[in-house]
């Protein structure tokens, strides 16, 4: 069974595990900001959607956000766009770490009481759900599309970009 690296947490399995008040020691989300740029009314609006249901880890969301924002800030400037992350990583991911190495058989419990420790959080998304949206001017249409493509590379599911406003004049 060949797996993509990092696809261990990608599939949605079991019930959502999100009630933090009953858990101790859930790592904080890596996402620092959910909105970037200038919040004015732009003529062009496009969104990044995932094609299949999956879990997106908070680290992957942060990597996608950084990638898109850095490209936009470099090409357009800080005031020529508005980028917004549309999902929040609520679901807590657990991992049952098994000891390896010499003498591990005496230390490790194996599968006994294998509930696991909280190792991070993830956003559970459905098929065709929007992950991030981007608004900009007509002049920066191509740059904005490239920024969302760069962000899509960081996510575990195949993605597509839907242009909601401003398509006619730029296409």
Protein backbone atom coordinates (compact mmCIF):
# COMPACT_ATOMS: atom_id res chain seq x y z
CA UNK A 1 0.00 0.00 0.00
CA UNK A 2 1.77 3.13 -1.20
CA UNK A 3 0.83 6.37 0.52
CA UNK A 4 1.59 9.95 -0.23
CA UNK A 5 3.90 11.43 2.41
CA UNK A 6 1.88 13.29 5.02
CA UNK A 7 -1.42 11.70 4.00
CA UNK A 8 -1.83 9.92 7.35
CA UNK A 9 -4.26 12.55 8.67
CA UNK A 10 -5.87 13.35 5.34
CA UNK A 11 -8.79 10.91 5.48
CA UNK A 12 -11.77 11.71 7.68
CA UNK A 13 -12.15 8.76 10.03
CA UNK A 14 -14.47 8.46 13.01
CA UNK A 15 -16.28 11.13 14.92
CA UNK A 16 -15.05 14.69 15.19
CA UNK A 17 -12.92 15.25 18.29
CA UNK A 18 -13.28 18.95 18.99
CA UNK A 19 -14.35 19.59 22.62
CA UNK A 20 -11.15 21.17 23.97
CA UNK A 21 -12.58 21.79 27.42
CA UNK A 22 -12.39 18.02 28.07
CA UNK A 23 -8.83 17.61 26.80
CA UNK A 24 -5.55 18.60 28.28
CA UNK A 25 -2.62 19.76 26.22
CA UNK A 26 -3.94 20.50 22.73
CA UNK A 27 -1.21 22.25 20.69
CA UNK A 28 -2.06 25.78 19.60
CA UNK A 29 -2.98 26.43 15.98
CA UNK A 30 -0.09 27.67 13.82
CA UNK A 31 -2.32 30.00 11.83
CA UNK A 32 -1.44 33.51 12.96
CA UNK A 33 -3.81 35.58 10.81
CA UNK A 34 -6.94 34.77 8.85
CA UNK A 35 -7.15 38.03 6.85
CA UNK A 36 -4.55 40.01 4.92
CA UNK A 37 -4.47 43.14 2.84
CA UNK A 38 -6.91 46.00 2.46
CA UNK A 39 -10.63 45.43 3.15
CA UNK A 40 -12.06 47.62 0.41
CA UNK A 41 -14.52 46.67 -2.34
CA UNK A 42 -12.61 45.07 -5.23
CA UNK A 43 -14.08 44.24 -8.66
CA UNK A 44 -12.44 40.79 -8.87
CA UNK A 45 -13.21 37.99 -6.42
CA UNK A 46 -11.92 34.41 -6.67
CA UNK A 47 -12.02 31.46 -4.29
CA UNK A 48 -9.93 28.33 -3.84
CA UNK A 49 -12.03 25.15 -3.48
CA UNK A 50 -11.00 21.56 -2.66
CA UNK A 51 -12.34 18.85 -4.98
CA UNK A 52 -12.70 16.04 -2.41
CA UNK A 53 -13.46 15.81 1.29
CA UNK A 54 -10.43 15.66 3.55
CA UNK A 55 -8.80 17.01 6.69
CA UNK A 56 -6.41 19.92 6.27
CA UNK A 57 -3.91 20.26 9.09
CA UNK A 58 -3.30 23.67 10.63
CA UNK A 59 0.32 23.51 9.45
CA UNK A 60 -0.79 23.03 5.82
CA UNK A 61 -3.27 25.91 6.08
CA UNK A 62 -0.55 28.17 7.46
CA UNK A 63 1.86 27.14 4.69
CA UNK A 64 -0.79 27.89 2.04
CA UNK A 65 -1.55 31.27 3.63
CA UNK A 66 2.13 32.25 3.81
CA UNK A 67 2.76 31.16 0.23
CA UNK A 68 -0.15 33.14 -1.23
CA UNK A 69 0.36 36.22 0.94
CA UNK A 70 4.09 36.47 0.29
CA UNK A 71 3.58 36.23 -3.48
CA UNK A 72 0.80 38.84 -3.43
CA UNK A 73 2.72 41.25 -1.20
CA UNK A 74 5.78 41.00 -3.45
CA UNK A 75 3.91 41.43 -6.76
CA UNK A 76 0.95 43.69 -5.86
CA UNK A 77 1.88 45.37 -2.59
CA UNK A 78 0.12 45.23 0.78
CA UNK A 79 -2.87 47.37 -0.19
CA UNK A 80 -3.91 45.94 -3.58
CA UNK A 81 -5.74 42.80 -2.38
CA UNK A 82 -7.76 41.16 0.39
CA UNK A 83 -7.00 37.51 1.26
CA UNK A 84 -9.15 35.56 3.72
CA UNK A 85 -8.86 32.01 5.09
CA UNK A 86 -12.40 30.55 5.17
CA UNK A 87 -11.87 27.43 7.33
CA UNK A 88 -10.77 26.97 10.95
CA UNK A 89 -8.94 23.89 12.30
CA UNK A 90 -11.34 22.74 15.06
CA UNK A 91 -10.79 18.98 14.93
CA UNK A 92 -8.06 17.66 17.26
CA UNK A 93 -5.78 14.98 15.79
CA UNK A 94 -4.45 12.21 18.03
CA UNK A 95 -1.46 9.94 17.54
CA UNK A 96 -0.46 6.81 19.42
CA UNK A 97 3.31 7.08 19.44
CA UNK A 98 5.07 3.73 19.64
CA UNK A 99 8.61 3.49 20.96
CA UNK A 100 11.24 2.10 18.61
CA UNK A 101 14.81 1.05 19.14
CA UNK A 102 16.62 -1.22 21.61
CA UNK A 103 14.50 -2.31 24.56
CA UNK A 104 11.33 -0.76 23.13
CA UNK A 105 9.41 -4.01 23.61
CA UNK A 106 9.68 -3.63 27.39
CA UNK A 107 8.62 0.06 27.38
CA UNK A 108 5.90 0.18 24.73
CA UNK A 109 2.33 -0.87 25.47
CA UNK A 110 1.59 -1.47 21.79
CA UNK A 111 -2.11 -1.28 21.01
CA UNK A 112 -3.28 -1.50 24.64
CA UNK A 113 -5.36 1.61 25.52
CA UNK A 114 -4.40 3.18 22.17
CA UNK A 115 -6.32 6.45 22.41
CA UNK A 116 -3.34 8.63 21.56
CA UNK A 117 -2.13 12.09 22.52
CA UNK A 118 -3.24 15.31 20.83
CA UNK A 119 -0.60 16.23 18.22
CA UNK A 120 -2.33 19.01 16.31
CA UNK A 121 -5.56 20.32 14.82
CA UNK A 122 -7.21 20.04 11.43
CA UNK A 123 -10.10 21.53 9.49
CA UNK A 124 -12.56 18.97 8.17
CA UNK A 125 -13.69 20.10 4.73
CA UNK A 126 -16.25 18.68 2.33
CA UNK A 127 -16.00 18.36 -1.43
CA UNK A 128 -16.19 21.72 -3.25
CA UNK A 129 -15.84 23.71 -0.01
CA UNK A 130 -14.04 27.05 -0.25
CA UNK A 131 -10.74 27.27 1.61
CA UNK A 132 -9.63 30.81 0.91
CA UNK A 133 -10.98 33.80 -0.98
CA UNK A 134 -9.10 36.61 -2.65
CA UNK A 135 -10.29 39.99 -3.87
CA UNK A 136 -8.22 42.31 -6.06
CA UNK A 137 -8.34 44.68 -9.03
CA UNK A 138 -8.69 43.75 -12.69
CA UNK A 139 -5.03 44.63 -13.36
CA UNK A 140 -3.81 42.01 -10.87
CA UNK A 141 -6.09 39.16 -12.03
CA UNK A 142 -3.29 36.88 -13.32
CA UNK A 143 -1.08 37.51 -10.27
CA UNK A 144 -3.96 36.69 -7.91
CA UNK A 145 -4.70 33.44 -9.75
CA UNK A 146 -1.04 32.41 -9.52
CA UNK A 147 -1.03 33.16 -5.79
CA UNK A 148 -4.00 30.83 -5.23
CA UNK A 149 -2.31 28.15 -7.36
CA UNK A 150 0.77 28.40 -5.13
CA UNK A 151 -1.44 28.02 -2.07
CA UNK A 152 -3.20 24.99 -3.57
CA UNK A 153 0.10 23.11 -3.86
CA UNK A 154 0.42 23.15 -0.05
CA UNK A 155 -2.99 21.52 0.54
CA UNK A 156 -3.61 17.73 0.71
CA UNK A 157 -6.52 17.67 -1.77
CA UNK A 158 -6.60 18.65 -5.43
CA UNK A 159 -7.99 22.20 -5.73
CA UNK A 160 -9.63 24.45 -8.28
CA UNK A 161 -10.08 28.22 -8.51
CA UNK A 162 -13.51 29.70 -9.10
CA UNK A 163 -13.70 33.28 -10.34
CA UNK A 164 -16.89 34.80 -8.89
CA UNK A 165 -16.57 38.43 -10.06
CA UNK A 166 -14.52 40.18 -12.73
CA UNK A 167 -14.12 37.29 -15.14
CA UNK A 168 -15.48 38.88 -18.32
CA UNK A 169 -12.99 41.73 -18.70
CA UNK A 170 -9.92 39.71 -17.64
CA UNK A 171 -10.49 36.48 -19.58
